[in-house]
Amino acid sequence: MVHPNQEPAVIAGQGTIALEVLNQVPLVDALVVPVGGGGMVAGIAITVKALRPCVKVYAAEPLNADDCYQSKLKGELTPNLYPPETIADGVKSSIGFNTWPIIRDLVDDVFTVTEDEIKYATQLVWERMKLLIEPTAGVGVAAVLSQHFQTVSPEVKNICIVLSGGNVDLTSLTWVKQAEKPAPFQSVSV
């Protein structure tokens, strides 16, 4: 079995995201990446720091699932003791033995965000960008909008937020539940 975030080949494959970003956005100053198990942020960090060490790599995670933040703070792998409760179900897993050393050494900072911040950011992307993202992708957006992100150097101007995940459960979205009411129009037979 291939582990979804601790397998070195998977980590390397996820690093190709950074290749695309660096190629398409040559003036990028930072990448903000949602973190669960850490495979994606680890792969991106390896690639970015090998090719453009001055570019920052930031991890973003829910406050309710803050094992990456706690690990960076304590300087040692600190997995979540219990499965976290978060709307961002794509980042519920903890970083692991293969991703932790990479994150420790190459990720510049970790930002945590609340559930309300995740919901707000996700809905903002739906409304303003017309992209149907899942809350896991909203974690990175929420991090950039957060007060804590204001502490980032003013030299960091061009920021790429990785919108990861494509598992939108339409029945869990508020506007879909509202649509359970009868349609405001009559169906037409053709």
Protein backbone atom coordinates (compact mmCIF):
# COMPACT_ATOMS: atom_id res chain seq x y z
CA MET A 1 0.00 0.00 0.00
CA VAL A 2 1.21 3.51 -0.82
CA HIS A 3 0.75 5.95 2.05
CA PRO A 4 -1.11 9.10 0.90
CA ASN A 5 1.22 11.59 2.60
CA GLN A 6 4.28 9.83 4.03
CA GLU A 7 5.44 7.95 0.91
CA PRO A 8 8.55 9.69 -0.51
CA ALA A 9 7.37 9.24 -4.12
CA VAL A 10 4.03 10.87 -3.28
CA ILE A 11 5.80 13.75 -1.52
CA ALA A 12 8.02 14.23 -4.58
CA GLY A 13 5.01 14.12 -6.89
CA GLN A 14 3.24 16.78 -4.88
CA GLY A 15 6.34 18.92 -5.26
CA THR A 16 5.44 19.33 -8.93
CA ILE A 17 2.77 21.80 -7.79
CA ALA A 18 5.63 24.14 -6.90
CA LEU A 19 7.25 23.58 -10.29
CA GLU A 20 4.06 24.78 -11.96
CA VAL A 21 3.76 27.80 -9.67
CA LEU A 22 7.40 28.85 -10.09
CA ASN A 23 7.08 28.44 -13.85
CA GLN A 24 3.77 30.27 -14.23
CA VAL A 25 4.28 32.95 -11.56
CA PRO A 26 7.99 33.82 -11.65
CA LEU A 27 7.57 36.75 -9.24
CA VAL A 28 5.89 34.71 -6.50
CA ASP A 29 7.12 35.60 -3.01
CA ALA A 30 5.30 32.94 -1.00
CA LEU A 31 3.12 29.86 -1.23
CA VAL A 32 0.45 29.10 1.36
CA VAL A 33 -0.42 25.41 1.57
CA PRO A 34 -3.08 23.61 3.63
CA VAL A 35 -1.49 20.92 5.80
CA GLY A 36 -2.91 17.66 7.09
CA GLY A 37 -0.50 14.75 6.79
CA GLY A 38 2.07 17.12 5.37
CA GLY A 39 2.88 15.42 2.07
CA MET A 40 1.85 18.33 -0.12
CA VAL A 41 3.52 21.09 1.91
CA ALA A 42 6.66 18.95 2.29
CA GLY A 43 6.91 18.30 -1.45
CA ILE A 44 6.27 21.95 -2.25
CA ALA A 45 8.82 23.10 0.34
CA ILE A 46 11.54 20.79 -1.02
CA THR A 47 10.99 22.03 -4.56
CA VAL A 48 10.72 25.72 -3.69
CA LYS A 49 13.75 25.77 -1.40
CA ALA A 50 15.85 23.86 -3.96
CA LEU A 51 14.98 26.17 -6.85
CA ARG A 52 14.26 29.53 -5.17
CA PRO A 53 15.26 29.55 -1.51
CA CYS A 54 14.11 33.15 -1.05
CA VAL A 55 10.48 32.18 -1.71
CA LYS A 56 8.57 31.56 1.52
CA VAL A 57 6.51 28.43 2.16
CA TYR A 58 3.76 28.72 4.76
CA ALA A 59 1.55 25.93 6.07
CA ALA A 60 -2.04 26.59 7.09
CA GLU A 61 -4.22 24.37 9.25
CA PRO A 62 -7.39 24.49 11.34
CA LEU A 63 -6.90 25.52 14.95
CA ASN A 64 -8.80 22.34 15.89
CA ALA A 65 -6.17 20.24 14.06
CA ASP A 66 -3.02 22.17 14.90
CA ASP A 67 -0.45 19.37 15.12
CA CYS A 68 1.85 21.01 12.55
CA TYR A 69 1.77 24.31 14.44
CA GLN A 70 2.38 22.55 17.77
CA SER A 71 5.23 20.52 16.27
CA LYS A 72 6.96 23.65 14.94
CA LEU A 73 6.39 25.42 18.26
CA LYS A 74 7.81 22.55 20.34
CA GLY A 75 10.49 21.52 17.85
CA GLU A 76 9.33 17.90 17.86
CA LEU A 77 6.67 15.82 16.15
CA THR A 78 3.45 16.38 18.10
CA PRO A 79 0.57 14.51 16.46
CA ASN A 80 -3.05 15.14 17.37
CA LEU A 81 -4.04 12.79 20.19
CA TYR A 82 -7.64 12.49 18.98
CA PRO A 83 -9.26 12.87 15.57
CA PRO A 84 -9.88 16.61 15.26
CA GLU A 85 -13.30 18.11 14.65
CA THR A 86 -13.08 20.44 11.67
CA ILE A 87 -15.10 21.34 8.63
CA ALA A 88 -11.85 20.98 6.65
CA ASP A 89 -11.91 17.19 6.54
CA GLY A 90 -9.06 16.99 4.02
CA VAL A 91 -6.57 18.08 6.69
CA LYS A 92 -7.70 15.96 9.64
CA SER A 93 -4.67 13.67 9.53
CA SER A 94 -1.50 14.51 11.43
CA ILE A 95 1.93 15.13 9.97
CA GLY A 96 4.17 12.08 10.23
CA PHE A 97 7.72 10.81 10.55
CA ASN A 98 8.62 11.43 6.89
CA THR A 99 7.01 14.84 6.53
CA TRP A 100 7.94 16.30 9.92
CA PRO A 101 11.70 16.78 9.30
CA ILE A 102 10.98 18.48 5.98
CA ILE A 103 8.37 20.77 7.52
CA ARG A 104 10.64 21.51 10.49
CA ASP A 105 13.55 22.51 8.27
CA LEU A 106 11.92 24.06 5.19
CA VAL A 107 8.48 25.49 6.04
CA ASP A 108 8.86 29.11 7.12
CA ASP A 109 5.81 29.37 9.37
CA VAL A 110 2.50 27.70 10.22
CA PHE A 111 -0.76 29.64 10.48
CA THR A 112 -3.83 28.33 12.29
CA VAL A 113 -7.38 29.43 11.55
CA THR A 114 -10.73 28.99 13.26
CA GLU A 115 -13.72 27.14 11.85
CA ASP A 116 -15.53 30.46 11.32
CA GLU A 117 -12.54 31.84 9.42
CA ILE A 118 -12.49 28.73 7.21
CA LYS A 119 -16.22 29.03 6.47
CA TYR A 120 -15.91 32.73 5.69
CA ALA A 121 -12.92 32.24 3.38
CA THR A 122 -14.55 29.32 1.57
CA GLN A 123 -17.73 31.29 0.95
CA LEU A 124 -15.69 34.31 -0.14
CA VAL A 125 -14.03 32.22 -2.86
CA TRP A 126 -17.41 30.83 -3.95
CA GLU A 127 -18.92 34.31 -4.18
CA ARG A 128 -16.04 36.36 -5.55
CA MET A 129 -14.05 33.89 -7.63
CA LYS A 130 -16.95 31.64 -8.64
CA LEU A 131 -14.90 28.56 -7.72
CA LEU A 132 -16.55 25.71 -5.85
CA ILE A 133 -13.82 24.77 -3.38
CA GLU A 134 -14.07 22.59 -0.33
CA PRO A 135 -13.32 24.00 3.13
CA THR A 136 -9.88 22.37 3.08
CA ALA A 137 -8.91 24.75 0.28
CA GLY A 138 -10.47 27.57 2.28
CA VAL A 139 -7.91 27.02 5.04
CA GLY A 140 -5.13 28.67 3.01
CA VAL A 141 -7.36 31.58 2.05
CA ALA A 142 -8.38 32.03 5.69
CA ALA A 143 -4.72 32.06 6.73
CA VAL A 144 -3.88 34.89 4.32
CA LEU A 145 -6.90 36.88 5.53
CA SER A 146 -6.01 36.29 9.20
CA GLN A 147 -4.60 38.84 11.62
CA HIS A 148 -1.57 36.61 12.21
CA PHE A 149 -0.65 36.79 8.51
CA GLN A 150 -0.23 40.54 8.89
CA THR A 151 3.04 39.77 10.70
CA VAL A 152 4.55 38.47 7.45
CA SER A 153 7.22 40.73 5.97
CA PRO A 154 5.84 43.52 3.75
CA GLU A 155 8.28 42.30 1.09
CA VAL A 156 5.98 39.29 0.62
CA LYS A 157 3.57 40.71 -1.94
CA ASN A 158 2.87 38.02 -4.54
CA ILE A 159 1.24 35.13 -2.71
CA CYS A 160 0.07 31.85 -4.21
CA ILE A 161 -2.57 30.04 -2.18
CA VAL A 162 -2.80 26.36 -3.08
CA LEU A 163 -6.50 25.50 -3.38
CA SER A 164 -6.29 21.77 -2.75
CA GLY A 165 -9.00 19.17 -2.58
CA GLY A 166 -11.96 18.45 -4.77
CA ASN A 167 -14.27 16.64 -2.40
CA VAL A 168 -17.19 19.01 -2.08
CA ASP A 169 -20.18 17.30 -0.48
CA LEU A 170 -22.96 19.37 -2.01
CA THR A 171 -25.48 18.18 0.57
CA SER A 172 -23.41 19.77 3.33
CA LEU A 173 -23.51 23.24 1.80
CA THR A 174 -25.95 25.69 3.34
CA TRP A 175 -27.33 26.93 0.05
CA VAL A 176 -28.10 23.36 -1.08
CA LYS A 177 -30.05 22.68 2.10
CA GLN A 178 -32.05 25.84 1.48
CA ALA A 179 -32.83 24.52 -1.99
CA GLU A 180 -34.77 21.61 -0.47
CA LYS A 181 -37.74 23.98 -0.43
CA PRO A 182 -40.04 23.78 -3.47
CA ALA A 183 -38.60 25.51 -6.51
CA PRO A 184 -39.90 29.07 -7.00
CA PHE A 185 -41.00 28.18 -10.53
CA GLN A 186 -43.25 25.61 -12.19
CA SER A 187 -41.73 22.72 -14.07
CA VAL A 188 -42.57 22.79 -17.74
CA SER A 189 -43.37 19.69 -19.77
CA VAL A 190 -41.99 19.68 -23.27
